[in-house]
Amino acid sequence: MRAEDVVGLVVGLGVVIIALSLYIGLIVLGVRIAKRKNRSPHWFWFAVHPMGLIITLIVMACLSPLKRCPRCAQTTQQAARLCGFCGYDFAATAYMPPPQGVYVSPGGY
């Protein structure tokens, strides 16, 4: 093997590794977007083909997020007043401030 062939092989492998890393990174980014919006990340099976990855990323970026029902854990539209699965009323459980003089510790500690 000549020295030019070895250099070409190393450069070619480097390009393939960078392209594969970028491709996998985009798939991981899409799965994170889907999970953040309470959408199913299984749509990224279309990412097997590069055009499927592009289309799926665009669709996930355009979809609105879903909210999860606290009673049955099913997802519904963000603007829904009732859960379509168990009938939970999202509007009836609106935020009520604590009564005066009662200490409420901040969450997350």
PDB file of N, CA and C in Angstrom:
ATOM      1  N   MET A   1       0.837  -1.178   0.000  1.00  0.00           N
ATOM      2  CA  MET A   1       0.000   0.000   0.000  1.00  0.00           C
ATOM      3  C   MET A   1       0.878   1.236   0.000  1.00  0.00           C
ATOM      4  N   ARG A   2       0.438   2.189  -0.786  1.00  0.00           N
ATOM      5  CA  ARG A   2       1.174   3.449  -0.843  1.00  0.00           C
ATOM      6  C   ARG A   2       0.724   4.356   0.287  1.00  0.00           C
ATOM      7  N   ALA A   3       1.524   5.352   0.563  1.00  0.00           N
ATOM      8  CA  ALA A   3       1.221   6.295   1.652  1.00  0.00           C
ATOM      9  C   ALA A   3      -0.025   7.115   1.320  1.00  0.00           C
ATOM     10  N   GLU A   4      -0.231   7.429   0.020  1.00  0.00           N
ATOM     11  CA  GLU A   4      -1.420   8.193  -0.366  1.00  0.00           C
ATOM     12  C   GLU A   4      -2.703   7.401  -0.125  1.00  0.00           C
ATOM     13  N   ASP A   5      -2.627   6.093  -0.334  1.00  0.00           N
ATOM     14  CA  ASP A   5      -3.801   5.246  -0.099  1.00  0.00           C
ATOM     15  C   ASP A   5      -4.164   5.191   1.383  1.00  0.00           C
ATOM     16  N   VAL A   6      -3.168   5.129   2.228  1.00  0.00           N
ATOM     17  CA  VAL A   6      -3.413   5.086   3.667  1.00  0.00           C
ATOM     18  C   VAL A   6      -4.032   6.403   4.140  1.00  0.00           C
ATOM     19  N   VAL A   7      -3.506   7.516   3.636  1.00  0.00           N
ATOM     20  CA  VAL A   7      -4.037   8.826   4.012  1.00  0.00           C
ATOM     21  C   VAL A   7      -5.483   8.951   3.537  1.00  0.00           C
ATOM     22  N   GLY A   8      -5.759   8.516   2.317  1.00  0.00           N
ATOM     23  CA  GLY A   8      -7.117   8.562   1.794  1.00  0.00           C
ATOM     24  C   GLY A   8      -8.065   7.696   2.590  1.00  0.00           C
ATOM     25  N   LEU A   9      -7.604   6.528   3.010  1.00  0.00           N
ATOM     26  CA  LEU A   9      -8.424   5.632   3.820  1.00  0.00           C
ATOM     27  C   LEU A   9      -8.737   6.252   5.183  1.00  0.00           C
ATOM     28  N   VAL A  10      -7.742   6.864   5.812  1.00  0.00           N
ATOM     29  CA  VAL A  10      -7.944   7.488   7.123  1.00  0.00           C
ATOM     30  C   VAL A  10      -8.898   8.678   7.009  1.00  0.00           C
ATOM     31  N   VAL A  11      -8.736   9.492   5.967  1.00  0.00           N
ATOM     32  CA  VAL A  11      -9.626  10.638   5.766  1.00  0.00           C
ATOM     33  C   VAL A  11     -11.048  10.154   5.495  1.00  0.00           C
ATOM     34  N   GLY A  12     -11.203   9.134   4.682  1.00  0.00           N
ATOM     35  CA  GLY A  12     -12.517   8.581   4.383  1.00  0.00           C
ATOM     36  C   GLY A  12     -13.206   8.040   5.631  1.00  0.00           C
ATOM     37  N   LEU A  13     -12.458   7.298   6.461  1.00  0.00           N
ATOM     38  CA  LEU A  13     -13.027   6.791   7.707  1.00  0.00           C
ATOM     39  C   LEU A  13     -13.417   7.929   8.652  1.00  0.00           C
ATOM     40  N   GLY A  14     -12.617   8.977   8.677  1.00  0.00           N
ATOM     41  CA  GLY A  14     -12.939  10.135   9.508  1.00  0.00           C
ATOM     42  C   GLY A  14     -14.234  10.792   9.070  1.00  0.00           C
ATOM     43  N   VAL A  15     -14.419  10.944   7.762  1.00  0.00           N
ATOM     44  CA  VAL A  15     -15.649  11.549   7.241  1.00  0.00           C
ATOM     45  C   VAL A  15     -16.849  10.676   7.558  1.00  0.00           C
ATOM     46  N   VAL A  16     -16.723   9.375   7.418  1.00  0.00           N
ATOM     47  CA  VAL A  16     -17.825   8.457   7.715  1.00  0.00           C
ATOM     48  C   VAL A  16     -18.178   8.510   9.200  1.00  0.00           C
ATOM     49  N   ILE A  17     -17.185   8.550  10.070  1.00  0.00           N
ATOM     50  CA  ILE A  17     -17.442   8.606  11.509  1.00  0.00           C
ATOM     51  C   ILE A  17     -18.130   9.911  11.888  1.00  0.00           C
ATOM     52  N   ILE A  18     -17.698  11.031  11.320  1.00  0.00           N
ATOM     53  CA  ILE A  18     -18.326  12.326  11.607  1.00  0.00           C
ATOM     54  C   ILE A  18     -19.771  12.341  11.108  1.00  0.00           C
ATOM     55  N   ALA A  19     -20.002  11.843   9.896  1.00  0.00           N
ATOM     56  CA  ALA A  19     -21.360  11.822   9.350  1.00  0.00           C
ATOM     57  C   ALA A  19     -22.274  10.918  10.181  1.00  0.00           C
ATOM     58  N   LEU A  20     -21.788   9.765  10.594  1.00  0.00           N
ATOM     59  CA  LEU A  20     -22.586   8.851  11.409  1.00  0.00           C
ATOM     60  C   LEU A  20     -22.881   9.453  12.782  1.00  0.00           C
ATOM     61  N   SER A  21     -21.913  10.137  13.364  1.00  0.00           N
ATOM     62  CA  SER A  21     -22.134  10.793  14.655  1.00  0.00           C
ATOM     63  C   SER A  21     -23.172  11.896  14.537  1.00  0.00           C
ATOM     64  N   LEU A  22     -23.125  12.661  13.470  1.00  0.00           N
ATOM     65  CA  LEU A  22     -24.108  13.718  13.241  1.00  0.00           C
ATOM     66  C   LEU A  22     -25.497  13.124  13.045  1.00  0.00           C
ATOM     67  N   TYR A  23     -25.597  12.057  12.300  1.00  0.00           N
ATOM     68  CA  TYR A  23     -26.870  11.386  12.040  1.00  0.00           C
ATOM     69  C   TYR A  23     -27.488  10.857  13.334  1.00  0.00           C
ATOM     70  N   ILE A  24     -26.700  10.186  14.153  1.00  0.00           N
ATOM     71  CA  ILE A  24     -27.182   9.646  15.422  1.00  0.00           C
ATOM     72  C   ILE A  24     -27.529  10.789  16.377  1.00  0.00           C
ATOM     73  N   GLY A  25     -26.746  11.858  16.353  1.00  0.00           N
ATOM     74  CA  GLY A  25     -27.050  13.019  17.189  1.00  0.00           C
ATOM     75  C   GLY A  25     -28.388  13.643  16.846  1.00  0.00           C
ATOM     76  N   LEU A  26     -28.722  13.715  15.555  1.00  0.00           N
ATOM     77  CA  LEU A  26     -30.019  14.245  15.151  1.00  0.00           C
ATOM     78  C   LEU A  26     -31.165  13.341  15.596  1.00  0.00           C
ATOM     79  N   ILE A  27     -30.956  12.047  15.563  1.00  0.00           N
ATOM     80  CA  ILE A  27     -31.981  11.113  16.044  1.00  0.00           C
ATOM     81  C   ILE A  27     -32.206  11.309  17.544  1.00  0.00           C
ATOM     82  N   VAL A  28     -31.130  11.427  18.310  1.00  0.00           N
ATOM     83  CA  VAL A  28     -31.249  11.642  19.753  1.00  0.00           C
ATOM     84  C   VAL A  28     -31.937  12.972  20.042  1.00  0.00           C
ATOM     85  N   LEU A  29     -31.611  14.012  19.281  1.00  0.00           N
ATOM     86  CA  LEU A  29     -32.258  15.308  19.441  1.00  0.00           C
ATOM     87  C   LEU A  29     -33.759  15.201  19.188  1.00  0.00           C
ATOM     88  N   GLY A  30     -34.150  14.489  18.159  1.00  0.00           N
ATOM     89  CA  GLY A  30     -35.557  14.309  17.848  1.00  0.00           C
ATOM     90  C   GLY A  30     -36.302  13.542  18.915  1.00  0.00           C
ATOM     91  N   VAL A  31     -35.681  12.529  19.484  1.00  0.00           N
ATOM     92  CA  VAL A  31     -36.314  11.761  20.559  1.00  0.00           C
ATOM     93  C   VAL A  31     -36.507  12.642  21.787  1.00  0.00           C
ATOM     94  N   ARG A  32     -35.539  13.490  22.085  1.00  0.00           N
ATOM     95  CA  ARG A  32     -35.681  14.403  23.227  1.00  0.00           C
ATOM     96  C   ARG A  32     -36.789  15.415  22.998  1.00  0.00           C
ATOM     97  N   ILE A  33     -36.905  15.925  21.780  1.00  0.00           N
ATOM     98  CA  ILE A  33     -37.993  16.856  21.464  1.00  0.00           C
ATOM     99  C   ILE A  33     -39.340  16.161  21.651  1.00  0.00           C
ATOM    100  N   ALA A  34     -39.449  14.934  21.160  1.00  0.00           N
ATOM    101  CA  ALA A  34     -40.707  14.193  21.284  1.00  0.00           C
ATOM    102  C   ALA A  34     -41.065  13.944  22.745  1.00  0.00           C
ATOM    103  N   LYS A  35     -40.103  13.555  23.564  1.00  0.00           N
ATOM    104  CA  LYS A  35     -40.383  13.298  24.979  1.00  0.00           C
ATOM    105  C   LYS A  35     -40.753  14.581  25.710  1.00  0.00           C
ATOM    106  N   ARG A  36     -40.109  15.701  25.361  1.00  0.00           N
ATOM    107  CA  ARG A  36     -40.416  16.964  26.012  1.00  0.00           C
ATOM    108  C   ARG A  36     -41.838  17.424  25.707  1.00  0.00           C
ATOM    109  N   LYS A  37     -42.338  17.053  24.539  1.00  0.00           N
ATOM    110  CA  LYS A  37     -43.699  17.424  24.146  1.00  0.00           C
ATOM    111  C   LYS A  37     -44.711  16.337  24.483  1.00  0.00           C
ATOM    112  N   ASN A  38     -44.326  15.344  25.257  1.00  0.00           N
ATOM    113  CA  ASN A  38     -45.180  14.199  25.619  1.00  0.00           C
ATOM    114  C   ASN A  38     -45.685  13.468  24.385  1.00  0.00           C
ATOM    115  N   ARG A  39     -44.881  13.380  23.376  1.00  0.00           N
ATOM    116  CA  ARG A  39     -45.195  12.635  22.152  1.00  0.00           C
ATOM    117  C   ARG A  39     -44.410  11.333  22.149  1.00  0.00           C
ATOM    118  N   SER A  40     -44.857  10.383  21.344  1.00  0.00           N
ATOM    119  CA  SER A  40     -44.190   9.087  21.266  1.00  0.00           C
ATOM    120  C   SER A  40     -42.884   9.207  20.482  1.00  0.00           C
ATOM    121  N   PRO A  41     -41.765   8.773  21.060  1.00  0.00           N
ATOM    122  CA  PRO A  41     -40.498   8.810  20.320  1.00  0.00           C
ATOM    123  C   PRO A  41     -40.363   7.684  19.303  1.00  0.00           C
ATOM    124  N   HIS A  42     -41.367   6.797  19.220  1.00  0.00           N
ATOM    125  CA  HIS A  42     -41.286   5.682  18.281  1.00  0.00           C
ATOM    126  C   HIS A  42     -41.374   6.127  16.830  1.00  0.00           C
ATOM    127  N   TRP A  43     -41.782   7.378  16.597  1.00  0.00           N
ATOM    128  CA  TRP A  43     -41.815   7.887  15.230  1.00  0.00           C
ATOM    129  C   TRP A  43     -40.417   7.924  14.619  1.00  0.00           C
ATOM    130  N   PHE A  44     -39.395   7.883  15.429  1.00  0.00           N
ATOM    131  CA  PHE A  44     -38.045   7.999  14.908  1.00  0.00           C
ATOM    132  C   PHE A  44     -37.518   6.696  14.316  1.00  0.00           C
ATOM    133  N   TRP A  45     -38.375   5.686  14.216  1.00  0.00           N
ATOM    134  CA  TRP A  45     -38.013   4.517  13.414  1.00  0.00           C
ATOM    135  C   TRP A  45     -37.958   4.907  11.940  1.00  0.00           C
ATOM    136  N   PHE A  46     -38.671   5.989  11.562  1.00  0.00           N
ATOM    137  CA  PHE A  46     -38.583   6.484  10.192  1.00  0.00           C
ATOM    138  C   PHE A  46     -37.209   7.056   9.897  1.00  0.00           C
ATOM    139  N   ALA A  47     -36.415   7.289  10.918  1.00  0.00           N
ATOM    140  CA  ALA A  47     -35.089   7.872  10.741  1.00  0.00           C
ATOM    141  C   ALA A  47     -34.084   6.880  10.169  1.00  0.00           C
ATOM    142  N   VAL A  48     -34.523   5.671   9.899  1.00  0.00           N
ATOM    143  CA  VAL A  48     -33.635   4.713   9.245  1.00  0.00           C
ATOM    144  C   VAL A  48     -33.192   5.269   7.894  1.00  0.00           C
ATOM    145  N   HIS A  49     -34.101   5.955   7.240  1.00  0.00           N
ATOM    146  CA  HIS A  49     -33.785   6.615   5.975  1.00  0.00           C
ATOM    147  C   HIS A  49     -33.540   8.100   6.260  1.00  0.00           C
ATOM    148  N   PRO A  50     -32.524   8.706   5.664  1.00  0.00           N
ATOM    149  CA  PRO A  50     -32.234  10.125   5.949  1.00  0.00           C
ATOM    150  C   PRO A  50     -33.407  11.062   5.663  1.00  0.00           C
ATOM    151  N   MET A  51     -34.167  10.800   4.614  1.00  0.00           N
ATOM    152  CA  MET A  51     -35.324  11.651   4.321  1.00  0.00           C
ATOM    153  C   MET A  51     -36.394  11.485   5.400  1.00  0.00           C
ATOM    154  N   GLY A  52     -36.557  10.269   5.921  1.00  0.00           N
ATOM    155  CA  GLY A  52     -37.490  10.038   7.019  1.00  0.00           C
ATOM    156  C   GLY A  52     -37.074  10.793   8.270  1.00  0.00           C
ATOM    157  N   LEU A  53     -35.758  10.894   8.528  1.00  0.00           N
ATOM    158  CA  LEU A  53     -35.266  11.657   9.669  1.00  0.00           C
ATOM    159  C   LEU A  53     -35.614  13.133   9.530  1.00  0.00           C
ATOM    160  N   ILE A  54     -35.398  13.689   8.367  1.00  0.00           N
ATOM    161  CA  ILE A  54     -35.684  15.107   8.139  1.00  0.00           C
ATOM    162  C   ILE A  54     -37.173  15.385   8.290  1.00  0.00           C
ATOM    163  N   ILE A  55     -38.005  14.548   7.683  1.00  0.00           N
ATOM    164  CA  ILE A  55     -39.453  14.748   7.760  1.00  0.00           C
ATOM    165  C   ILE A  55     -39.939  14.606   9.202  1.00  0.00           C
ATOM    166  N   THR A  56     -39.459  13.600   9.925  1.00  0.00           N
ATOM    167  CA  THR A  56     -39.885  13.382  11.299  1.00  0.00           C
ATOM    168  C   THR A  56     -39.446  14.524  12.205  1.00  0.00           C
ATOM    169  N   LEU A  57     -38.231  15.047  12.018  1.00  0.00           N
ATOM    170  CA  LEU A  57     -37.779  16.189  12.811  1.00  0.00           C
ATOM    171  C   LEU A  57     -38.654  17.412  12.566  1.00  0.00           C
ATOM    172  N   ILE A  58     -39.009  17.667  11.321  1.00  0.00           N
ATOM    173  CA  ILE A  58     -39.859  18.823  11.005  1.00  0.00           C
ATOM    174  C   ILE A  58     -41.236  18.654  11.625  1.00  0.00           C
ATOM    175  N   VAL A  59     -41.823  17.467  11.514  1.00  0.00           N
ATOM    176  CA  VAL A  59     -43.151  17.232  12.071  1.00  0.00           C
ATOM    177  C   VAL A  59     -43.128  17.367  13.595  1.00  0.00           C
ATOM    178  N   MET A  60     -42.129  16.801  14.272  1.00  0.00           N
ATOM    179  CA  MET A  60     -42.056  16.895  15.732  1.00  0.00           C
ATOM    180  C   MET A  60     -41.866  18.336  16.189  1.00  0.00           C
ATOM    181  N   ALA A  61     -41.117  19.113  15.430  1.00  0.00           N
ATOM    182  CA  ALA A  61     -40.912  20.514  15.806  1.00  0.00           C
ATOM    183  C   ALA A  61     -42.194  21.323  15.649  1.00  0.00           C
ATOM    184  N   CYS A  62     -43.063  20.935  14.727  1.00  0.00           N
ATOM    185  CA  CYS A  62     -44.290  21.698  14.466  1.00  0.00           C
ATOM    186  C   CYS A  62     -45.461  21.283  15.350  1.00  0.00           C
ATOM    187  N   LEU A  63     -45.447  20.080  15.905  1.00  0.00           N
ATOM    188  CA  LEU A  63     -46.564  19.613  16.725  1.00  0.00           C
ATOM    189  C   LEU A  63     -46.605  20.330  18.065  1.00  0.00           C
ATOM    190  N   SER A  64     -47.811  20.562  18.555  1.00  0.00           N
ATOM    191  CA  SER A  64     -47.953  21.190  19.862  1.00  0.00           C
ATOM    192  C   SER A  64     -47.775  20.138  20.958  1.00  0.00           C
ATOM    193  N   PRO A  65     -47.351  20.563  22.139  1.00  0.00           N
ATOM    194  CA  PRO A  65     -47.168  19.593  23.223  1.00  0.00           C
ATOM    195  C   PRO A  65     -48.500  19.081  23.757  1.00  0.00           C
ATOM    196  N   LEU A  66     -48.466  17.909  24.339  1.00  0.00           N
ATOM    197  CA  LEU A  66     -49.638  17.302  24.956  1.00  0.00           C
ATOM    198  C   LEU A  66     -49.505  17.399  26.466  1.00  0.00           C
ATOM    199  N   LYS A  67     -50.635  17.336  27.174  1.00  0.00           N
ATOM    200  CA  LYS A  67     -50.567  17.294  28.628  1.00  0.00           C
ATOM    201  C   LYS A  67     -51.017  15.924  29.102  1.00  0.00           C
ATOM    202  N   ARG A  68     -50.488  15.526  30.249  1.00  0.00           N
ATOM    203  CA  ARG A  68     -50.753  14.206  30.796  1.00  0.00           C
ATOM    204  C   ARG A  68     -51.791  14.308  31.905  1.00  0.00           C
ATOM    205  N   CYS A  69     -52.753  13.408  31.874  1.00  0.00           N
ATOM    206  CA  CYS A  69     -53.819  13.372  32.885  1.00  0.00           C
ATOM    207  C   CYS A  69     -53.235  12.838  34.200  1.00  0.00           C
ATOM    208  N   PRO A  70     -53.469  13.521  35.324  1.00  0.00           N
ATOM    209  CA  PRO A  70     -52.930  13.028  36.593  1.00  0.00           C
ATOM    210  C   PRO A  70     -53.627  11.778  37.117  1.00  0.00           C
ATOM    211  N   ARG A  71     -54.831  11.499  36.641  1.00  0.00           N
ATOM    212  CA  ARG A  71     -55.563  10.331  37.129  1.00  0.00           C
ATOM    213  C   ARG A  71     -55.205   9.067  36.358  1.00  0.00           C
ATOM    214  N   CYS A  72     -55.236   9.114  35.019  1.00  0.00           N
ATOM    215  CA  CYS A  72     -55.017   7.891  34.229  1.00  0.00           C
ATOM    216  C   CYS A  72     -53.698   7.897  33.458  1.00  0.00           C
ATOM    217  N   ALA A  73     -52.959   8.994  33.472  1.00  0.00           N
ATOM    218  CA  ALA A  73     -51.645   9.137  32.831  1.00  0.00           C
ATOM    219  C   ALA A  73     -51.700   9.060  31.307  1.00  0.00           C
ATOM    220  N   GLN A  74     -52.869   9.245  30.714  1.00  0.00           N
ATOM    221  CA  GLN A  74     -52.980   9.311  29.259  1.00  0.00           C
ATOM    222  C   GLN A  74     -52.723  10.750  28.803  1.00  0.00           C
ATOM    223  N   THR A  75     -52.294  10.918  27.564  1.00  0.00           N
ATOM    224  CA  THR A  75     -52.026  12.260  27.052  1.00  0.00           C
ATOM    225  C   THR A  75     -53.227  12.769  26.270  1.00  0.00           C
ATOM    226  N   THR A  76     -53.487  14.069  26.405  1.00  0.00           N
ATOM    227  CA  THR A  76     -54.569  14.730  25.687  1.00  0.00           C
ATOM    228  C   THR A  76     -54.055  16.057  25.153  1.00  0.00           C
ATOM    229  N   GLN A  77     -54.865  16.700  24.341  1.00  0.00           N
ATOM    230  CA  GLN A  77     -54.479  17.995  23.782  1.00  0.00           C
ATOM    231  C   GLN A  77     -54.297  19.025  24.885  1.00  0.00           C
ATOM    232  N   GLN A  78     -53.449  20.005  24.638  1.00  0.00           N
ATOM    233  CA  GLN A  78     -53.138  21.023  25.620  1.00  0.00           C
ATOM    234  C   GLN A  78     -54.372  21.831  26.025  1.00  0.00           C
ATOM    235  N   ALA A  79     -55.292  22.081  25.103  1.00  0.00           N
ATOM    236  CA  ALA A  79     -56.465  22.907  25.374  1.00  0.00           C
ATOM    237  C   ALA A  79     -57.660  22.103  25.891  1.00  0.00           C
ATOM    238  N   ALA A  80     -57.512  20.809  26.091  1.00  0.00           N
ATOM    239  CA  ALA A  80     -58.635  19.977  26.524  1.00  0.00           C
ATOM    240  C   ALA A  80     -59.060  20.333  27.940  1.00  0.00           C
ATOM    241  N   ARG A  81     -60.372  20.358  28.156  1.00  0.00           N
ATOM    242  CA  ARG A  81     -60.910  20.639  29.488  1.00  0.00           C
ATOM    243  C   ARG A  81     -61.139  19.343  30.256  1.00  0.00           C
ATOM    244  N   LEU A  82     -61.511  18.291  29.541  1.00  0.00           N
ATOM    245  CA  LEU A  82     -61.746  16.982  30.135  1.00  0.00           C
ATOM    246  C   LEU A  82     -60.809  15.955  29.514  1.00  0.00           C
ATOM    247  N   CYS A  83     -60.422  14.973  30.307  1.00  0.00           N
ATOM    248  CA  CYS A  83     -59.626  13.860  29.782  1.00  0.00           C
ATOM    249  C   CYS A  83     -60.549  12.973  28.954  1.00  0.00           C
ATOM    250  N   GLY A  84     -60.151  12.623  27.768  1.00  0.00           N
ATOM    251  CA  GLY A  84     -60.965  11.797  26.896  1.00  0.00           C
ATOM    252  C   GLY A  84     -61.023  10.344  27.317  1.00  0.00           C
ATOM    253  N   PHE A  85     -60.184   9.923  28.252  1.00  0.00           N
ATOM    254  CA  PHE A  85     -60.134   8.528  28.659  1.00  0.00           C
ATOM    255  C   PHE A  85     -60.883   8.275  29.961  1.00  0.00           C
ATOM    256  N   CYS A  86     -60.698   9.159  30.943  1.00  0.00           N
ATOM    257  CA  CYS A  86     -61.328   8.908  32.250  1.00  0.00           C
ATOM    258  C   CYS A  86     -62.290  10.016  32.665  1.00  0.00           C
ATOM    259  N   GLY A  87     -62.354  11.107  31.918  1.00  0.00           N
ATOM    260  CA  GLY A  87     -63.274  12.185  32.237  1.00  0.00           C
ATOM    261  C   GLY A  87     -62.780  13.152  33.294  1.00  0.00           C
ATOM    262  N   TYR A  88     -61.504  13.101  33.625  1.00  0.00           N
ATOM    263  CA  TYR A  88     -60.934  14.004  34.627  1.00  0.00           C
ATOM    264  C   TYR A  88     -61.099  15.453  34.170  1.00  0.00           C
ATOM    265  N   ASP A  89     -61.574  16.308  35.059  1.00  0.00           N
ATOM    266  CA  ASP A  89     -61.821  17.714  34.734  1.00  0.00           C
ATOM    267  C   ASP A  89     -60.585  18.533  35.096  1.00  0.00           C
ATOM    268  N   PHE A  90     -59.859  18.992  34.074  1.00  0.00           N
ATOM    269  CA  PHE A  90     -58.652  19.782  34.298  1.00  0.00           C
ATOM    270  C   PHE A  90     -58.982  21.151  34.879  1.00  0.00           C
ATOM    271  N   ALA A  91     -60.121  21.722  34.495  1.00  0.00           N
ATOM    272  CA  ALA A  91     -60.485  23.059  34.938  1.00  0.00           C
ATOM    273  C   ALA A  91     -60.920  23.073  36.401  1.00  0.00           C
ATOM    274  N   ALA A  92     -61.462  21.989  36.909  1.00  0.00           N
ATOM    275  CA  ALA A  92     -61.950  21.947  38.293  1.00  0.00           C
ATOM    276  C   ALA A  92     -60.805  21.921  39.292  1.00  0.00           C
ATOM    277  N   THR A  93     -59.649  21.498  38.861  1.00  0.00           N
ATOM    278  CA  THR A  93     -58.505  21.398  39.767  1.00  0.00           C
ATOM    279  C   THR A  93     -57.508  22.509  39.483  1.00  0.00           C
ATOM    280  N   ALA A  94     -58.013  23.705  39.279  1.00  0.00           N
ATOM    281  CA  ALA A  94     -57.128  24.838  39.025  1.00  0.00           C
ATOM    282  C   ALA A  94     -56.347  25.176  40.293  1.00  0.00           C
ATOM    283  N   TYR A  95     -55.318  25.964  40.145  1.00  0.00           N
ATOM    284  CA  TYR A  95     -54.460  26.339  41.262  1.00  0.00           C
ATOM    285  C   TYR A  95     -55.219  27.216  42.253  1.00  0.00           C
ATOM    286  N   MET A  96     -55.152  26.838  43.518  1.00  0.00           N
ATOM    287  CA  MET A  96     -55.741  27.646  44.580  1.00  0.00           C
ATOM    288  C   MET A  96     -54.607  28.057  45.512  1.00  0.00           C
ATOM    289  N   PRO A  97     -54.450  29.342  45.794  1.00  0.00           N
ATOM    290  CA  PRO A  97     -53.355  29.770  46.666  1.00  0.00           C
ATOM    291  C   PRO A  97     -53.572  29.261  48.091  1.00  0.00           C
ATOM    292  N   PRO A  98     -52.474  29.049  48.832  1.00  0.00           N
ATOM    293  CA  PRO A  98     -52.617  28.574  50.207  1.00  0.00           C
ATOM    294  C   PRO A  98     -53.249  29.656  51.081  1.00  0.00           C
ATOM    295  N   PRO A  99     -53.934  29.252  52.149  1.00  0.00           N
ATOM    296  CA  PRO A  99     -54.545  30.237  53.031  1.00  0.00           C
ATOM    297  C   PRO A  99     -53.490  31.122  53.697  1.00  0.00           C
ATOM    298  N   GLN A 100     -53.892  32.308  54.094  1.00  0.00           N
ATOM    299  CA  GLN A 100     -52.984  33.250  54.731  1.00  0.00           C
ATOM    300  C   GLN A 100     -52.495  32.698  56.071  1.00  0.00           C
ATOM    301  N   GLY A 101     -51.225  32.923  56.348  1.00  0.00           N
ATOM    302  CA  GLY A 101     -50.648  32.517  57.626  1.00  0.00           C
ATOM    303  C   GLY A 101     -50.159  31.083  57.647  1.00  0.00           C
ATOM    304  N   VAL A 102     -50.287  30.339  56.565  1.00  0.00           N
ATOM    305  CA  VAL A 102     -49.825  28.959  56.503  1.00  0.00           C
ATOM    306  C   VAL A 102     -48.543  28.923  55.690  1.00  0.00           C
ATOM    307  N   TYR A 103     -47.492  28.348  56.260  1.00  0.00           N
ATOM    308  CA  TYR A 103     -46.209  28.260  55.556  1.00  0.00           C
ATOM    309  C   TYR A 103     -46.230  27.052  54.632  1.00  0.00           C
ATOM    310  N   VAL A 104     -45.889  27.291  53.353  1.00  0.00           N
ATOM    311  CA  VAL A 104     -45.779  26.223  52.366  1.00  0.00           C
ATOM    312  C   VAL A 104     -44.349  26.209  51.876  1.00  0.00           C
ATOM    313  N   SER A 105     -43.638  25.116  52.103  1.00  0.00           N
ATOM    314  CA  SER A 105     -42.233  25.050  51.699  1.00  0.00           C
ATOM    315  C   SER A 105     -42.137  24.957  50.183  1.00  0.00           C
ATOM    316  N   PRO A 106     -41.107  25.575  49.599  1.00  0.00           N
ATOM    317  CA  PRO A 106     -40.944  25.489  48.155  1.00  0.00           C
ATOM    318  C   PRO A 106     -40.578  24.076  47.743  1.00  0.00           C
ATOM    319  N   GLY A 107     -41.080  23.648  46.606  1.00  0.00           N
ATOM    320  CA  GLY A 107     -40.820  22.293  46.118  1.00  0.00           C
ATOM    321  C   GLY A 107     -39.413  22.147  45.584  1.00  0.00           C
ATOM    322  N   GLY A 108     -38.959  20.932  45.454  1.00  0.00           N
ATOM    323  CA  GLY A 108     -37.660  20.650  44.848  1.00  0.00           C
ATOM    324  C   GLY A 108     -36.511  20.586  45.839  1.00  0.00           C
ATOM    325  N   TYR A 109     -36.763  20.666  47.127  1.00  0.00           N
ATOM    326  CA  TYR A 109     -35.674  20.593  48.103  1.00  0.00           C
ATOM    327  C   TYR A 109     -35.546  19.226  48.671  1.00  0.00           C
TER     328      TYR A 109
END
